[in-house]
Amino acid sequence: MFQTKKCPECHSYLFAEANKCDVCETRLSKTMSGGLASRSINWMSYFHCVLSWACLGMFIWWNFFQK
């Protein structure tokens, strides 16, 4: 199909099998239509966000709602 793909961040051309951009180091997944690569999901960032909100909620509960 495609022999190269284009990074969605820096628009540099990469091999179709590349999992990471050589220029901007963005993690890549499959190639979409037109040869543009799609970004892979960074699950660790979502986990840290949820954990931070949970810690903030516990902090607010502990300081303001505990008797």
PDB file of N, CA and C in Angstrom:
ATOM      1  N   MET A   1       0.826  -1.174   0.000  1.00  0.00           N
ATOM      2  CA  MET A   1       0.000   0.000   0.000  1.00  0.00           C
ATOM      3  C   MET A   1       0.879   1.249   0.000  1.00  0.00           C
ATOM      4  N   PHE A   2       1.180   1.799   1.173  1.00  0.00           N
ATOM      5  CA  PHE A   2       2.069   2.957   1.259  1.00  0.00           C
ATOM      6  C   PHE A   2       3.477   2.496   1.626  1.00  0.00           C
ATOM      7  N   GLN A   3       4.474   3.126   1.022  1.00  0.00           N
ATOM      8  CA  GLN A   3       5.858   2.825   1.387  1.00  0.00           C
ATOM      9  C   GLN A   3       6.388   3.819   2.403  1.00  0.00           C
ATOM     10  N   THR A   4       5.782   4.991   2.467  1.00  0.00           N
ATOM     11  CA  THR A   4       6.152   5.995   3.462  1.00  0.00           C
ATOM     12  C   THR A   4       4.894   6.519   4.136  1.00  0.00           C
ATOM     13  N   LYS A   5       5.075   7.150   5.269  1.00  0.00           N
ATOM     14  CA  LYS A   5       3.981   7.830   5.937  1.00  0.00           C
ATOM     15  C   LYS A   5       4.494   9.159   6.471  1.00  0.00           C
ATOM     16  N   LYS A   6       3.581  10.057   6.756  1.00  0.00           N
ATOM     17  CA  LYS A   6       3.929  11.407   7.157  1.00  0.00           C
ATOM     18  C   LYS A   6       3.580  11.601   8.628  1.00  0.00           C
ATOM     19  N   CYS A   7       4.506  12.160   9.397  1.00  0.00           N
ATOM     20  CA  CYS A   7       4.291  12.402  10.819  1.00  0.00           C
ATOM     21  C   CYS A   7       3.225  13.491  10.997  1.00  0.00           C
ATOM     22  N   PRO A   8       2.241  13.294  11.901  1.00  0.00           N
ATOM     23  CA  PRO A   8       1.195  14.301  12.097  1.00  0.00           C
ATOM     24  C   PRO A   8       1.686  15.543  12.834  1.00  0.00           C
ATOM     25  N   GLU A   9       2.812  15.476  13.502  1.00  0.00           N
ATOM     26  CA  GLU A   9       3.341  16.624  14.248  1.00  0.00           C
ATOM     27  C   GLU A   9       4.253  17.497  13.397  1.00  0.00           C
ATOM     28  N   CYS A  10       5.325  16.902  12.871  1.00  0.00           N
ATOM     29  CA  CYS A  10       6.338  17.698  12.158  1.00  0.00           C
ATOM     30  C   CYS A  10       6.269  17.533  10.645  1.00  0.00           C
ATOM     31  N   HIS A  11       5.392  16.664  10.158  1.00  0.00           N
ATOM     32  CA  HIS A  11       5.167  16.424   8.724  1.00  0.00           C
ATOM     33  C   HIS A  11       6.413  15.945   7.987  1.00  0.00           C
ATOM     34  N   SER A  12       7.274  15.219   8.674  1.00  0.00           N
ATOM     35  CA  SER A  12       8.415  14.608   8.003  1.00  0.00           C
ATOM     36  C   SER A  12       8.005  13.224   7.492  1.00  0.00           C
ATOM     37  N   TYR A  13       8.639  12.783   6.434  1.00  0.00           N
ATOM     38  CA  TYR A  13       8.323  11.492   5.833  1.00  0.00           C
ATOM     39  C   TYR A  13       9.133  10.398   6.502  1.00  0.00           C
ATOM     40  N   LEU A  14       8.467   9.272   6.791  1.00  0.00           N
ATOM     41  CA  LEU A  14       9.081   8.137   7.473  1.00  0.00           C
ATOM     42  C   LEU A  14       8.768   6.863   6.707  1.00  0.00           C
ATOM     43  N   PHE A  15       9.491   5.801   7.032  1.00  0.00           N
ATOM     44  CA  PHE A  15       9.167   4.496   6.480  1.00  0.00           C
ATOM     45  C   PHE A  15       7.815   4.050   7.014  1.00  0.00           C
ATOM     46  N   ALA A  16       7.115   3.241   6.255  1.00  0.00           N
ATOM     47  CA  ALA A  16       5.774   2.795   6.645  1.00  0.00           C
ATOM     48  C   ALA A  16       5.796   1.935   7.906  1.00  0.00           C
ATOM     49  N   GLU A  17       6.900   1.277   8.190  1.00  0.00           N
ATOM     50  CA  GLU A  17       7.005   0.406   9.358  1.00  0.00           C
ATOM     51  C   GLU A  17       7.449   1.152  10.616  1.00  0.00           C
ATOM     52  N   ALA A  18       7.739   2.438  10.530  1.00  0.00           N
ATOM     53  CA  ALA A  18       8.249   3.195  11.675  1.00  0.00           C
ATOM     54  C   ALA A  18       7.185   3.341  12.756  1.00  0.00           C
ATOM     55  N   ASN A  19       7.601   3.171  14.006  1.00  0.00           N
ATOM     56  CA  ASN A  19       6.704   3.330  15.146  1.00  0.00           C
ATOM     57  C   ASN A  19       6.932   4.641  15.886  1.00  0.00           C
ATOM     58  N   LYS A  20       8.035   5.324  15.559  1.00  0.00           N
ATOM     59  CA  LYS A  20       8.395   6.561  16.227  1.00  0.00           C
ATOM     60  C   LYS A  20       9.046   7.489  15.209  1.00  0.00           C
ATOM     61  N   CYS A  21       8.683   8.768  15.274  1.00  0.00           N
ATOM     62  CA  CYS A  21       9.264   9.741  14.350  1.00  0.00           C
ATOM     63  C   CYS A  21      10.719  10.007  14.727  1.00  0.00           C
ATOM     64  N   ASP A  22      11.599  10.059  13.741  1.00  0.00           N
ATOM     65  CA  ASP A  22      13.004  10.315  14.005  1.00  0.00           C
ATOM     66  C   ASP A  22      13.266  11.768  14.383  1.00  0.00           C
ATOM     67  N   VAL A  23      12.435  12.680  13.936  1.00  0.00           N
ATOM     68  CA  VAL A  23      12.661  14.105  14.141  1.00  0.00           C
ATOM     69  C   VAL A  23      12.088  14.572  15.477  1.00  0.00           C
ATOM     70  N   CYS A  24      10.783  14.360  15.686  1.00  0.00           N
ATOM     71  CA  CYS A  24      10.120  14.887  16.887  1.00  0.00           C
ATOM     72  C   CYS A  24       9.841  13.819  17.938  1.00  0.00           C
ATOM     73  N   GLU A  25      10.149  12.565  17.654  1.00  0.00           N
ATOM     74  CA  GLU A  25       9.997  11.426  18.555  1.00  0.00           C
ATOM     75  C   GLU A  25       8.552  11.169  18.992  1.00  0.00           C
ATOM     76  N   THR A  26       7.582  11.499  18.133  1.00  0.00           N
ATOM     77  CA  THR A  26       6.179  11.197  18.383  1.00  0.00           C
ATOM     78  C   THR A  26       5.931   9.726  18.103  1.00  0.00           C
ATOM     79  N   ARG A  27       5.218   9.045  19.018  1.00  0.00           N
ATOM     80  CA  ARG A  27       4.871   7.648  18.779  1.00  0.00           C
ATOM     81  C   ARG A  27       3.752   7.589  17.757  1.00  0.00           C
ATOM     82  N   LEU A  28       3.883   6.689  16.797  1.00  0.00           N
ATOM     83  CA  LEU A  28       2.941   6.592  15.683  1.00  0.00           C
ATOM     84  C   LEU A  28       2.298   5.217  15.643  1.00  0.00           C
ATOM     85  N   SER A  29       1.142   5.153  15.016  1.00  0.00           N
ATOM     86  CA  SER A  29       0.491   3.858  14.802  1.00  0.00           C
ATOM     87  C   SER A  29       0.202   3.699  13.321  1.00  0.00           C
ATOM     88  N   LYS A  30      -0.968   3.228  12.949  1.00  0.00           N
ATOM     89  CA  LYS A  30      -1.286   2.902  11.553  1.00  0.00           C
ATOM     90  C   LYS A  30      -1.290   4.129  10.651  1.00  0.00           C
ATOM     91  N   THR A  31      -1.196   3.860   9.365  1.00  0.00           N
ATOM     92  CA  THR A  31      -1.270   4.913   8.366  1.00  0.00           C
ATOM     93  C   THR A  31      -2.716   5.105   7.939  1.00  0.00           C
ATOM     94  N   MET A  32      -3.179   6.351   7.974  1.00  0.00           N
ATOM     95  CA  MET A  32      -4.540   6.663   7.558  1.00  0.00           C
ATOM     96  C   MET A  32      -4.550   6.953   6.064  1.00  0.00           C
ATOM     97  N   SER A  33      -5.683   7.356   5.545  1.00  0.00           N
ATOM     98  CA  SER A  33      -5.781   7.670   4.125  1.00  0.00           C
ATOM     99  C   SER A  33      -4.896   8.865   3.794  1.00  0.00           C
ATOM    100  N   GLY A  34      -4.289   8.838   2.653  1.00  0.00           N
ATOM    101  CA  GLY A  34      -3.411   9.921   2.227  1.00  0.00           C
ATOM    102  C   GLY A  34      -1.983   9.783   2.713  1.00  0.00           C
ATOM    103  N   GLY A  35      -1.680   8.732   3.470  1.00  0.00           N
ATOM    104  CA  GLY A  35      -0.325   8.499   3.935  1.00  0.00           C
ATOM    105  C   GLY A  35       0.025   9.194   5.235  1.00  0.00           C
ATOM    106  N   LEU A  36      -0.937   9.838   5.892  1.00  0.00           N
ATOM    107  CA  LEU A  36      -0.675  10.509   7.164  1.00  0.00           C
ATOM    108  C   LEU A  36      -0.786   9.488   8.287  1.00  0.00           C
ATOM    109  N   ALA A  37       0.210   9.456   9.149  1.00  0.00           N
ATOM    110  CA  ALA A  37       0.213   8.509  10.264  1.00  0.00           C
ATOM    111  C   ALA A  37      -0.691   9.015  11.380  1.00  0.00           C
ATOM    112  N   SER A  38      -1.305   8.100  12.102  1.00  0.00           N
ATOM    113  CA  SER A  38      -2.118   8.490  13.260  1.00  0.00           C
ATOM    114  C   SER A  38      -1.282   8.332  14.523  1.00  0.00           C
ATOM    115  N   ARG A  39      -1.608   9.139  15.519  1.00  0.00           N
ATOM    116  CA  ARG A  39      -0.885   9.071  16.793  1.00  0.00           C
ATOM    117  C   ARG A  39      -1.407   7.897  17.600  1.00  0.00           C
ATOM    118  N   SER A  40      -0.518   7.260  18.337  1.00  0.00           N
ATOM    119  CA  SER A  40      -0.959   6.210  19.239  1.00  0.00           C
ATOM    120  C   SER A  40      -1.413   6.856  20.548  1.00  0.00           C
ATOM    121  N   ILE A  41      -2.280   6.172  21.271  1.00  0.00           N
ATOM    122  CA  ILE A  41      -2.843   6.714  22.500  1.00  0.00           C
ATOM    123  C   ILE A  41      -1.841   6.538  23.632  1.00  0.00           C
ATOM    124  N   ASN A  42      -1.615   7.612  24.368  1.00  0.00           N
ATOM    125  CA  ASN A  42      -0.707   7.574  25.502  1.00  0.00           C
ATOM    126  C   ASN A  42      -1.532   7.299  26.761  1.00  0.00           C
ATOM    127  N   TRP A  43      -1.702   6.025  27.101  1.00  0.00           N
ATOM    128  CA  TRP A  43      -2.544   5.628  28.216  1.00  0.00           C
ATOM    129  C   TRP A  43      -1.978   6.054  29.556  1.00  0.00           C
ATOM    130  N   MET A  44      -0.666   6.172  29.670  1.00  0.00           N
ATOM    131  CA  MET A  44      -0.057   6.575  30.936  1.00  0.00           C
ATOM    132  C   MET A  44      -0.449   8.004  31.300  1.00  0.00           C
ATOM    133  N   SER A  45      -0.591   8.870  30.329  1.00  0.00           N
ATOM    134  CA  SER A  45      -1.030  10.242  30.598  1.00  0.00           C
ATOM    135  C   SER A  45      -2.456  10.268  31.127  1.00  0.00           C
ATOM    136  N   TYR A  46      -3.339   9.454  30.558  1.00  0.00           N
ATOM    137  CA  TYR A  46      -4.702   9.369  31.058  1.00  0.00           C
ATOM    138  C   TYR A  46      -4.730   8.837  32.491  1.00  0.00           C
ATOM    139  N   PHE A  47      -3.914   7.849  32.779  1.00  0.00           N
ATOM    140  CA  PHE A  47      -3.844   7.286  34.131  1.00  0.00           C
ATOM    141  C   PHE A  47      -3.373   8.337  35.129  1.00  0.00           C
ATOM    142  N   HIS A  48      -2.341   9.092  34.783  1.00  0.00           N
ATOM    143  CA  HIS A  48      -1.836  10.134  35.683  1.00  0.00           C
ATOM    144  C   HIS A  48      -2.861  11.242  35.894  1.00  0.00           C
ATOM    145  N   CYS A  49      -3.617  11.572  34.877  1.00  0.00           N
ATOM    146  CA  CYS A  49      -4.647  12.597  34.999  1.00  0.00           C
ATOM    147  C   CYS A  49      -5.746  12.146  35.967  1.00  0.00           C
ATOM    148  N   VAL A  50      -6.229  10.922  35.808  1.00  0.00           N
ATOM    149  CA  VAL A  50      -7.275  10.402  36.690  1.00  0.00           C
ATOM    150  C   VAL A  50      -6.755  10.295  38.125  1.00  0.00           C
ATOM    151  N   LEU A  51      -5.526   9.836  38.285  1.00  0.00           N
ATOM    152  CA  LEU A  51      -4.930   9.723  39.615  1.00  0.00           C
ATOM    153  C   LEU A  51      -4.775  11.097  40.271  1.00  0.00           C
ATOM    154  N   SER A  52      -4.391  12.107  39.513  1.00  0.00           N
ATOM    155  CA  SER A  52      -4.255  13.461  40.044  1.00  0.00           C
ATOM    156  C   SER A  52      -5.597  14.015  40.491  1.00  0.00           C
ATOM    157  N   TRP A  53      -6.659  13.803  39.695  1.00  0.00           N
ATOM    158  CA  TRP A  53      -7.989  14.267  40.081  1.00  0.00           C
ATOM    159  C   TRP A  53      -8.481  13.549  41.327  1.00  0.00           C
ATOM    160  N   ALA A  54      -8.190  12.263  41.443  1.00  0.00           N
ATOM    161  CA  ALA A  54      -8.595  11.506  42.636  1.00  0.00           C
ATOM    162  C   ALA A  54      -7.864  12.026  43.873  1.00  0.00           C
ATOM    163  N   CYS A  55      -6.584  12.313  43.739  1.00  0.00           N
ATOM    164  CA  CYS A  55      -5.819  12.867  44.864  1.00  0.00           C
ATOM    165  C   CYS A  55      -6.340  14.243  45.253  1.00  0.00           C
ATOM    166  N   LEU A  56      -6.681  15.070  44.288  1.00  0.00           N
ATOM    167  CA  LEU A  56      -7.240  16.386  44.583  1.00  0.00           C
ATOM    168  C   LEU A  56      -8.587  16.249  45.291  1.00  0.00           C
ATOM    169  N   GLY A  57      -9.427  15.333  44.845  1.00  0.00           N
ATOM    170  CA  GLY A  57     -10.710  15.099  45.504  1.00  0.00           C
ATOM    171  C   GLY A  57     -10.541  14.630  46.930  1.00  0.00           C
ATOM    172  N   MET A  58      -9.611  13.713  47.174  1.00  0.00           N
ATOM    173  CA  MET A  58      -9.338  13.252  48.542  1.00  0.00           C
ATOM    174  C   MET A  58      -8.800  14.382  49.414  1.00  0.00           C
ATOM    175  N   PHE A  59      -7.945  15.222  48.866  1.00  0.00           N
ATOM    176  CA  PHE A  59      -7.395  16.350  49.609  1.00  0.00           C
ATOM    177  C   PHE A  59      -8.495  17.323  50.014  1.00  0.00           C
ATOM    178  N   ILE A  60      -9.394  17.639  49.093  1.00  0.00           N
ATOM    179  CA  ILE A  60     -10.497  18.556  49.396  1.00  0.00           C
ATOM    180  C   ILE A  60     -11.427  17.943  50.431  1.00  0.00           C
ATOM    181  N   TRP A  61     -11.764  16.656  50.274  1.00  0.00           N
ATOM    182  CA  TRP A  61     -12.614  15.987  51.255  1.00  0.00           C
ATOM    183  C   TRP A  61     -11.960  15.985  52.632  1.00  0.00           C
ATOM    184  N   TRP A  62     -10.688  15.659  52.709  1.00  0.00           N
ATOM    185  CA  TRP A  62      -9.972  15.555  53.969  1.00  0.00           C
ATOM    186  C   TRP A  62      -9.883  16.905  54.668  1.00  0.00           C
ATOM    187  N   ASN A  63      -9.670  17.990  53.915  1.00  0.00           N
ATOM    188  CA  ASN A  63      -9.504  19.299  54.533  1.00  0.00           C
ATOM    189  C   ASN A  63     -10.803  20.019  54.841  1.00  0.00           C
ATOM    190  N   PHE A  64     -11.845  19.821  54.063  1.00  0.00           N
ATOM    191  CA  PHE A  64     -13.036  20.635  54.206  1.00  0.00           C
ATOM    192  C   PHE A  64     -14.278  19.879  54.661  1.00  0.00           C
ATOM    193  N   PHE A  65     -14.364  18.588  54.464  1.00  0.00           N
ATOM    194  CA  PHE A  65     -15.594  17.868  54.761  1.00  0.00           C
ATOM    195  C   PHE A  65     -15.473  16.837  55.859  1.00  0.00           C
ATOM    196  N   GLN A  66     -14.280  16.606  56.348  1.00  0.00           N
ATOM    197  CA  GLN A  66     -14.089  15.648  57.423  1.00  0.00           C
ATOM    198  C   GLN A  66     -14.369  16.351  58.748  1.00  0.00           C
ATOM    199  N   LYS A  67     -15.069  15.678  59.657  1.00  0.00           N
ATOM    200  CA  LYS A  67     -15.400  16.305  60.941  1.00  0.00           C
ATOM    201  C   LYS A  67     -14.287  16.208  61.931  1.00  0.00           C
TER     202      LYS A  67
END
